[in-house]
Amino acid sequence: MLAAHSSDPSETKAESDVAVPISLQSALMSRLDKLGAVKAVAQTAAVIGREFDLKTLAHVVGLSSEVYAPYGYMTDEGSDAYRNVMRLSEATRDPEAAIRALDGLFGTSFNSARFSDAEWASNQLKEIGRRDSNIKALVLGLQFGGMCAFARGRFPQAREVLLEALEHREHAHEVGSDFPSMSMLYLSWTLQILGEADTAMELFHAAEMETRGQADYRLAAYLGNGCILMSLRQDVATLARLVDELVPLATRNGFQLWLNFASFFSGWVKAASSQDSSCLAQMKQICDNMGDQEVDKTCYLGVLTDSYLRMGRIDEATAALDQGLKLAGRTGEHYYMPELLRLRGELLRQTDRPAAAKRSFEEAISFARDQGAKAWEARAKPSLDLLSSDPPQR
């Protein structure tokens, strides 16, 4: 927000600017209404010029995780602010500020499932890294590129890029951010879907070794992202253990994003293990209230659809699935697409439309094969086989 009010390096410096960085940092670190406090302080910074201490501005950008933690994503104002930091960094030739801004811009774009913008930030970081021999920019660019490739369902590309990022693990302290744990987690998801389940779990445990003892937010990210891995593996018991640890951690720290993760997947655990339908309203409410936080939402909607189908609630399953398919088409998030197509086939089978169900299962298998997604293919094949064994309709 501060950067959003400092987009023109030619503007003159106001006397009140001196107090802004301290006030803003204090507001950011407060446990009160952080977002409201940031906006209020930013309003006092309407004019900030070329004399402004850009290192302080870069530090403020570095505090963005304090906003991500309770809110999970930032609005378009946040993205505009990061772009303005980049303009200022170019004017003052401060590459570190540009790297921080691109890091933040990637986060806002990726969390909002604006993958083209996220890929642009990734490519800019890689360019800076190679041009200036800056290992931090290079590795972050590689990690972010791998995350985008995964989200789009380009699993072989994701594996290649994430492995390249992890070749630089010895520079983890220099890179900072959430490296290497985030690269490990996304690579574990990738390998799970590619059919390398054992290696995926090895990486998951390696990521745990990286995050234990770090800041609570890093541990929460590990546990929350682990919930997605366990849902991909259909490992209800391990998922339940992750949720049991994540809930008090997220509650204690006010990590709303990760608390939503925990609440959602605890609902799926109930649906999958005990046929408890009381969780469905909770799961739907979380999906409905995600706002601009659209990354992984196709996964959420797929899991919700599966839960509805387990309970025989066809109308709700149809609505959730339609929403997931439309979202995948709009955002290009395709890592969960074969499963959405398989679930569509299950829905059609349960509503006595075997011919359409067969086409949907076959489409799921074809989509998975194009992605190299052996795990998705292996899940869709039994559904097709079960359909073939169903008694003919009279």
Protein backbone atom coordinates (compact mmCIF):
# COMPACT_ATOMS: atom_id res chain seq x y z
CA MET A 1 0.00 0.00 0.00
CA LEU A 2 2.88 2.36 0.76
CA ALA A 3 4.34 1.66 -2.66
CA ALA A 4 0.97 2.32 -4.25
CA HIS A 5 1.30 5.92 -3.10
CA SER A 6 4.88 6.33 -4.33
CA SER A 7 4.71 5.53 -8.01
CA ASP A 8 6.35 8.68 -9.30
CA PRO A 9 10.03 9.15 -8.37
CA SER A 10 9.87 12.76 -9.61
CA GLU A 11 7.43 13.86 -6.92
CA THR A 12 8.68 16.02 -4.04
CA LYS A 13 9.19 14.79 -0.51
CA ALA A 14 6.65 15.78 2.15
CA GLU A 15 7.70 16.50 5.74
CA SER A 16 5.29 13.88 7.08
CA ASP A 17 7.01 11.14 5.07
CA VAL A 18 9.71 10.64 7.69
CA ALA A 19 7.26 9.03 10.11
CA VAL A 20 5.59 6.80 7.54
CA PRO A 21 7.99 3.81 7.46
CA ILE A 22 8.00 3.44 11.25
CA SER A 23 4.24 3.85 11.48
CA LEU A 24 3.64 1.39 8.66
CA GLN A 25 5.96 -1.22 10.08
CA SER A 26 4.26 -0.89 13.46
CA ALA A 27 0.86 -1.29 11.82
CA LEU A 28 1.97 -4.32 9.85
CA MET A 29 3.38 -6.09 12.88
CA SER A 30 0.30 -5.38 14.99
CA ARG A 31 -1.96 -8.31 15.82
CA LEU A 32 -4.99 -6.06 15.26
CA ASP A 33 -6.68 -5.34 11.94
CA LYS A 34 -3.50 -5.40 9.86
CA LEU A 35 -5.02 -4.69 6.50
CA GLY A 36 -7.06 -1.77 7.81
CA ALA A 37 -4.04 -0.36 9.61
CA VAL A 38 -1.89 -0.57 6.50
CA LYS A 39 -4.49 1.30 4.47
CA ALA A 40 -4.84 3.99 7.12
CA VAL A 41 -1.11 4.61 7.35
CA ALA A 42 -0.71 4.56 3.57
CA GLN A 43 -3.16 7.42 3.26
CA THR A 44 -0.60 9.66 4.99
CA ALA A 45 1.99 8.82 2.34
CA ALA A 46 0.37 10.45 -0.66
CA VAL A 47 3.61 12.12 -1.78
CA ILE A 48 6.92 10.27 -1.58
CA GLY A 49 9.75 11.30 -3.87
CA ARG A 50 13.17 10.27 -5.08
CA GLU A 51 14.70 11.11 -1.68
CA PHE A 52 12.64 8.38 -0.03
CA ASP A 53 14.77 5.64 1.52
CA LEU A 54 14.15 2.77 -0.89
CA LYS A 55 15.80 0.31 1.47
CA THR A 56 13.04 1.04 3.98
CA LEU A 57 10.50 0.57 1.21
CA ALA A 58 12.07 -2.77 0.30
CA HIS A 59 11.89 -3.76 3.96
CA VAL A 60 8.20 -2.95 4.00
CA VAL A 61 7.71 -5.14 0.93
CA GLY A 62 9.58 -7.88 2.76
CA LEU A 63 6.97 -7.72 5.51
CA SER A 64 4.26 -8.76 3.06
CA SER A 65 4.12 -12.20 4.67
CA GLU A 66 2.61 -10.47 7.69
CA VAL A 67 -0.38 -9.69 5.50
CA TYR A 68 -0.36 -13.03 3.66
CA ALA A 69 -0.46 -14.87 6.98
CA PRO A 70 -3.87 -13.65 8.20
CA TYR A 71 -5.47 -12.92 4.83
CA GLY A 72 -3.92 -15.42 2.42
CA TYR A 73 -3.85 -13.11 -0.57
CA MET A 74 -3.77 -9.45 -1.50
CA THR A 75 -5.96 -7.42 -3.80
CA ASP A 76 -5.13 -5.69 -7.07
CA GLU A 77 -3.95 -2.75 -4.95
CA GLY A 78 -1.23 -5.02 -3.61
CA SER A 79 -0.13 -6.04 -7.11
CA ASP A 80 -0.05 -2.39 -8.20
CA ALA A 81 2.08 -1.56 -5.19
CA TYR A 82 4.65 -4.20 -6.10
CA ARG A 83 4.79 -2.92 -9.67
CA ASN A 84 5.44 0.57 -8.34
CA VAL A 85 8.30 -0.73 -6.21
CA MET A 86 9.81 -2.12 -9.41
CA ARG A 87 9.54 1.28 -11.09
CA LEU A 88 11.21 2.94 -8.12
CA SER A 89 13.95 0.30 -8.02
CA GLU A 90 14.72 0.95 -11.69
CA ALA A 91 14.91 4.70 -11.04
CA THR A 92 17.31 4.23 -8.13
CA ARG A 93 19.10 1.15 -9.51
CA ASP A 94 18.33 -1.00 -6.50
CA PRO A 95 18.10 -4.63 -7.72
CA GLU A 96 17.21 -6.04 -4.29
CA ALA A 97 14.02 -3.97 -4.21
CA ALA A 98 13.10 -5.32 -7.65
CA ILE A 99 13.61 -8.90 -6.47
CA ARG A 100 11.44 -8.32 -3.41
CA ALA A 101 8.77 -6.71 -5.55
CA LEU A 102 8.77 -9.57 -8.06
CA ASP A 103 8.58 -12.05 -5.17
CA GLY A 104 5.50 -10.23 -3.87
CA LEU A 105 3.98 -9.78 -7.31
CA PHE A 106 4.32 -13.50 -7.96
CA GLY A 107 2.54 -14.25 -4.69
CA THR A 108 -0.40 -11.97 -5.35
CA SER A 109 -0.78 -13.23 -8.92
CA PHE A 110 -0.31 -16.93 -8.18
CA ASN A 111 -2.67 -16.92 -5.20
CA SER A 112 -5.30 -15.29 -7.40
CA ALA A 113 -4.71 -17.92 -10.15
CA ARG A 114 -3.48 -15.26 -12.56
CA PHE A 115 -0.84 -17.59 -13.89
CA SER A 116 0.28 -15.49 -16.86
CA ASP A 117 1.20 -12.64 -14.50
CA ALA A 118 2.86 -15.10 -12.12
CA GLU A 119 4.91 -16.58 -14.97
CA TRP A 120 5.95 -13.08 -16.03
CA ALA A 121 7.29 -12.41 -12.52
CA SER A 122 9.09 -15.76 -12.57
CA ASN A 123 10.71 -15.03 -15.93
CA GLN A 124 11.79 -11.56 -14.79
CA LEU A 125 13.48 -13.05 -11.74
CA LYS A 126 15.31 -15.64 -13.84
CA GLU A 127 16.45 -12.91 -16.21
CA ILE A 128 17.81 -10.82 -13.33
CA GLY A 129 19.48 -13.88 -11.86
CA ARG A 130 21.29 -14.84 -15.04
CA ARG A 131 22.14 -11.27 -16.06
CA ASP A 132 23.50 -10.20 -12.67
CA SER A 133 24.68 -13.62 -11.39
CA ASN A 134 22.16 -13.18 -8.58
CA ILE A 135 21.49 -16.60 -7.07
CA LYS A 136 18.46 -15.42 -5.07
CA ALA A 137 16.66 -14.09 -8.13
CA LEU A 138 17.54 -17.16 -10.21
CA VAL A 139 16.38 -19.73 -7.67
CA LEU A 140 13.17 -17.91 -6.80
CA GLY A 141 12.44 -17.60 -10.50
CA LEU A 142 12.96 -21.34 -10.97
CA GLN A 143 10.82 -22.24 -7.95
CA PHE A 144 8.02 -19.96 -9.07
CA GLY A 145 8.23 -21.28 -12.63
CA GLY A 146 7.88 -24.83 -11.35
CA MET A 147 4.86 -23.90 -9.27
CA CYS A 148 3.18 -22.33 -12.30
CA ALA A 149 3.95 -25.36 -14.46
CA PHE A 150 2.39 -27.64 -11.85
CA ALA A 151 -0.74 -25.51 -11.54
CA ARG A 152 -1.22 -25.62 -15.29
CA GLY A 153 -0.84 -29.42 -15.31
CA ARG A 154 2.53 -29.41 -17.09
CA PHE A 155 4.01 -32.02 -14.80
CA PRO A 156 7.20 -33.04 -16.68
CA GLN A 157 8.13 -29.36 -17.01
CA ALA A 158 7.37 -28.75 -13.33
CA ARG A 159 9.61 -31.66 -12.31
CA GLU A 160 12.48 -30.42 -14.46
CA VAL A 161 12.34 -26.82 -13.23
CA LEU A 162 11.84 -27.67 -9.56
CA LEU A 163 14.73 -30.14 -9.64
CA GLU A 164 16.89 -27.39 -11.16
CA ALA A 165 15.89 -25.06 -8.33
CA LEU A 166 16.76 -27.70 -5.73
CA GLU A 167 20.25 -28.06 -7.19
CA HIS A 168 20.93 -24.80 -5.34
CA ARG A 169 19.89 -26.01 -1.87
CA GLU A 170 23.30 -25.08 -0.47
CA HIS A 171 22.35 -21.44 -1.10
CA ALA A 172 19.08 -21.69 0.86
CA HIS A 173 20.17 -19.12 3.45
CA GLU A 174 21.06 -16.65 0.71
CA VAL A 175 17.83 -17.27 -1.22
CA GLY A 176 15.56 -17.00 1.80
CA SER A 177 11.81 -16.76 1.24
CA ASP A 178 10.25 -20.26 1.48
CA PHE A 179 13.04 -22.05 -0.39
CA PRO A 180 13.73 -24.97 -0.45
CA SER A 181 10.66 -26.27 1.39
CA MET A 182 8.15 -24.94 -1.15
CA SER A 183 10.09 -26.42 -4.06
CA MET A 184 10.10 -29.76 -2.23
CA LEU A 185 6.38 -29.64 -1.56
CA TYR A 186 5.44 -28.76 -5.14
CA LEU A 187 7.82 -31.40 -6.43
CA SER A 188 6.21 -33.94 -4.10
CA TRP A 189 2.78 -33.09 -5.56
CA THR A 190 4.21 -33.34 -9.06
CA LEU A 191 5.85 -36.72 -8.50
CA GLN A 192 2.73 -38.08 -6.80
CA ILE A 193 0.65 -37.29 -9.87
CA LEU A 194 3.36 -38.60 -12.21
CA GLY A 195 3.13 -41.93 -10.40
CA GLU A 196 6.30 -41.71 -8.27
CA ALA A 197 4.51 -41.99 -4.95
CA ASP A 198 7.43 -43.21 -2.81
CA THR A 199 9.74 -40.40 -3.93
CA ALA A 200 6.93 -37.93 -3.35
CA MET A 201 6.72 -38.98 0.30
CA GLU A 202 10.50 -38.80 0.70
CA LEU A 203 10.38 -35.19 -0.46
CA PHE A 204 7.47 -34.45 1.84
CA HIS A 205 9.47 -35.69 4.84
CA ALA A 206 12.52 -33.73 3.67
CA ALA A 207 10.38 -30.59 3.57
CA GLU A 208 9.35 -31.30 7.15
CA MET A 209 13.01 -31.40 8.20
CA GLU A 210 13.45 -27.98 6.60
CA THR A 211 10.45 -26.37 8.29
CA ARG A 212 10.57 -27.79 11.83
CA GLY A 213 12.20 -25.14 13.98
CA GLN A 214 11.48 -22.32 11.53
CA ALA A 215 8.85 -19.60 11.89
CA ASP A 216 5.33 -20.82 12.60
CA TYR A 217 4.11 -19.57 9.23
CA ARG A 218 6.57 -21.84 7.40
CA LEU A 219 5.40 -24.82 9.44
CA ALA A 220 1.78 -23.93 8.75
CA ALA A 221 2.54 -23.80 5.02
CA TYR A 222 4.14 -27.25 5.21
CA LEU A 223 1.17 -28.73 7.06
CA GLY A 224 -1.41 -27.04 4.84
CA ASN A 225 0.26 -28.05 1.60
CA GLY A 226 0.69 -31.52 3.05
CA CYS A 227 -3.09 -31.74 3.29
CA ILE A 228 -3.31 -31.42 -0.49
CA LEU A 229 -0.66 -34.12 -0.97
CA MET A 230 -2.54 -36.50 1.32
CA SER A 231 -5.80 -35.80 -0.48
CA LEU A 232 -4.05 -36.68 -3.75
CA ARG A 233 -2.86 -39.92 -2.11
CA GLN A 234 -6.29 -40.57 -0.52
CA ASP A 235 -4.40 -40.99 2.77
CA VAL A 236 -7.10 -40.08 5.26
CA ALA A 237 -5.19 -41.07 8.40
CA THR A 238 -2.11 -38.94 7.68
CA LEU A 239 -4.27 -36.05 6.55
CA ALA A 240 -6.14 -36.18 9.86
CA ARG A 241 -2.84 -35.98 11.78
CA LEU A 242 -1.75 -32.94 9.76
CA VAL A 243 -5.08 -31.22 10.41
CA ASP A 244 -4.84 -31.93 14.14
CA GLU A 245 -1.51 -30.10 14.28
CA LEU A 246 -2.45 -27.31 11.89
CA VAL A 247 -5.66 -26.18 13.60
CA PRO A 248 -4.12 -25.00 16.91
CA LEU A 249 -1.06 -23.58 15.13
CA ALA A 250 -3.13 -21.52 12.71
CA THR A 251 -5.60 -20.47 15.41
CA ARG A 252 -2.86 -19.32 17.77
CA ASN A 253 -1.17 -17.20 15.11
CA GLY A 254 -4.24 -15.95 13.26
CA PHE A 255 -3.24 -17.69 10.00
CA GLN A 256 -6.67 -17.57 8.37
CA LEU A 257 -5.53 -19.08 5.06
CA TRP A 258 -4.15 -22.18 6.74
CA LEU A 259 -7.04 -22.39 9.17
CA ASN A 260 -9.32 -22.56 6.13
CA PHE A 261 -7.16 -25.37 4.76
CA ALA A 262 -7.48 -27.27 8.01
CA SER A 263 -11.22 -26.72 8.33
CA PHE A 264 -11.86 -27.78 4.75
CA PHE A 265 -9.81 -30.96 4.84
CA SER A 266 -11.06 -31.94 8.28
CA GLY A 267 -14.47 -31.95 6.63
CA TRP A 268 -13.23 -34.27 3.90
CA VAL A 269 -11.74 -36.60 6.53
CA LYS A 270 -15.18 -36.89 8.14
CA ALA A 271 -16.87 -37.51 4.80
CA ALA A 272 -14.32 -40.11 3.70
CA SER A 273 -13.93 -42.00 6.96
CA SER A 274 -17.29 -41.89 8.72
CA GLN A 275 -19.84 -40.78 6.13
CA ASP A 276 -20.52 -37.75 8.35
CA SER A 277 -22.51 -35.27 6.27
CA SER A 278 -22.38 -32.52 8.91
CA CYS A 279 -19.09 -31.33 7.41
CA LEU A 280 -20.45 -30.50 3.96
CA ALA A 281 -21.87 -27.08 4.81
CA GLN A 282 -18.53 -26.13 6.38
CA MET A 283 -16.61 -27.22 3.28
CA LYS A 284 -18.94 -25.36 0.94
CA GLN A 285 -18.76 -22.20 3.04
CA ILE A 286 -14.98 -22.16 2.78
CA CYS A 287 -15.16 -22.57 -1.01
CA ASP A 288 -17.75 -19.79 -1.23
CA ASN A 289 -15.71 -17.39 0.90
CA MET A 290 -12.33 -17.73 -0.80
CA GLY A 291 -12.78 -14.48 -2.71
CA ASP A 292 -9.80 -13.74 -4.95
CA GLN A 293 -7.89 -16.69 -3.45
CA GLU A 294 -8.46 -18.96 -6.46
CA VAL A 295 -5.30 -21.05 -6.66
CA ASP A 296 -6.07 -24.71 -5.80
CA LYS A 297 -9.78 -23.95 -5.80
CA THR A 298 -10.38 -26.53 -8.54
CA CYS A 299 -8.94 -29.07 -6.09
CA TYR A 300 -11.23 -27.86 -3.31
CA LEU A 301 -14.28 -28.07 -5.56
CA GLY A 302 -13.26 -31.53 -6.72
CA VAL A 303 -12.90 -32.75 -3.14
CA LEU A 304 -16.26 -31.16 -2.29
CA THR A 305 -17.87 -32.88 -5.28
CA ASP A 306 -16.42 -36.22 -4.16
CA SER A 307 -17.82 -35.65 -0.67
CA TYR A 308 -21.29 -34.86 -2.02
CA LEU A 309 -21.21 -37.99 -4.17
CA ARG A 310 -20.26 -40.13 -1.17
CA MET A 311 -23.40 -38.84 0.56
CA GLY A 312 -25.63 -39.28 -2.50
CA ARG A 313 -26.31 -35.55 -2.76
CA ILE A 314 -26.44 -35.32 -6.52
CA ASP A 315 -27.71 -31.77 -6.97
CA GLU A 316 -25.00 -30.26 -4.76
CA ALA A 317 -22.37 -32.43 -6.44
CA THR A 318 -23.50 -31.20 -9.85
CA ALA A 319 -23.26 -27.55 -8.78
CA ALA A 320 -19.80 -27.92 -7.23
CA LEU A 321 -18.47 -29.84 -10.23
CA ASP A 322 -19.82 -27.32 -12.73
CA GLN A 323 -18.15 -24.55 -10.76
CA GLY A 324 -14.85 -26.43 -10.75
CA LEU A 325 -14.87 -27.13 -14.48
CA LYS A 326 -15.74 -23.52 -15.31
CA LEU A 327 -12.99 -22.25 -13.02
CA ALA A 328 -10.44 -24.56 -14.61
CA GLY A 329 -11.46 -23.27 -18.03
CA ARG A 330 -11.17 -19.64 -16.94
CA THR A 331 -7.90 -19.78 -15.00
CA GLY A 332 -6.06 -22.58 -16.78
CA GLU A 333 -5.48 -24.46 -13.51
CA HIS A 334 -5.42 -27.98 -14.93
CA TYR A 335 -3.54 -30.10 -12.41
CA TYR A 336 -6.86 -31.41 -11.05
CA MET A 337 -8.63 -31.55 -14.40
CA PRO A 338 -8.48 -35.34 -15.00
CA GLU A 339 -10.04 -35.91 -11.59
CA LEU A 340 -12.80 -33.39 -12.32
CA LEU A 341 -13.56 -35.27 -15.54
CA ARG A 342 -13.58 -38.58 -13.66
CA LEU A 343 -15.96 -37.15 -11.08
CA ARG A 344 -18.21 -35.96 -13.90
CA GLY A 345 -18.28 -39.54 -15.14
CA GLU A 346 -19.19 -40.79 -11.66
CA LEU A 347 -21.98 -38.24 -11.47
CA LEU A 348 -23.32 -39.34 -14.85
CA ARG A 349 -23.07 -43.01 -13.85
CA GLN A 350 -25.01 -42.41 -10.65
CA THR A 351 -27.74 -40.63 -12.61
CA ASP A 352 -28.12 -43.53 -15.07
CA ARG A 353 -26.40 -41.99 -18.08
CA PRO A 354 -23.85 -44.71 -18.88
CA ALA A 355 -22.96 -43.59 -22.40
CA ALA A 356 -22.12 -40.06 -21.28
CA ALA A 357 -20.30 -41.44 -18.23
CA LYS A 358 -18.15 -43.64 -20.47
CA ARG A 359 -17.17 -40.65 -22.60
CA SER A 360 -16.24 -38.65 -19.52
CA PHE A 361 -14.09 -41.45 -18.07
CA GLU A 362 -12.35 -41.84 -21.42
CA GLU A 363 -11.77 -38.08 -21.57
CA ALA A 364 -10.27 -38.19 -18.08
CA ILE A 365 -7.89 -40.97 -19.11
CA SER A 366 -6.90 -39.16 -22.31
CA PHE A 367 -6.31 -35.88 -20.45
CA ALA A 368 -4.19 -37.68 -17.86
CA ARG A 369 -2.10 -39.42 -20.51
CA ASP A 370 -1.42 -36.13 -22.27
CA GLN A 371 -0.12 -34.77 -18.96
CA GLY A 372 1.87 -37.88 -18.12
CA ALA A 373 -0.30 -38.08 -14.99
CA LYS A 374 -0.15 -41.80 -14.21
CA ALA A 375 -1.88 -41.40 -10.84
CA TRP A 376 -4.90 -39.69 -12.40
CA GLU A 377 -5.02 -42.31 -15.15
CA ALA A 378 -4.85 -45.10 -12.57
CA ARG A 379 -7.79 -43.58 -10.70
CA ALA A 380 -9.95 -43.14 -13.80
CA LYS A 381 -9.45 -46.65 -15.22
CA PRO A 382 -11.27 -48.50 -12.40
CA SER A 383 -14.18 -46.10 -12.77
CA LEU A 384 -14.42 -47.02 -16.45
CA ASP A 385 -14.08 -50.73 -15.63
CA LEU A 386 -16.81 -50.48 -12.99
CA LEU A 387 -19.11 -48.87 -15.50
CA SER A 388 -18.54 -51.77 -17.90
CA SER A 389 -19.48 -54.24 -15.17
CA ASP A 390 -22.72 -52.47 -14.27
CA PRO A 391 -25.85 -54.41 -15.30
CA PRO A 392 -27.41 -53.10 -18.52
CA GLN A 393 -30.27 -50.63 -18.18
CA ARG A 394 -33.71 -52.04 -19.01
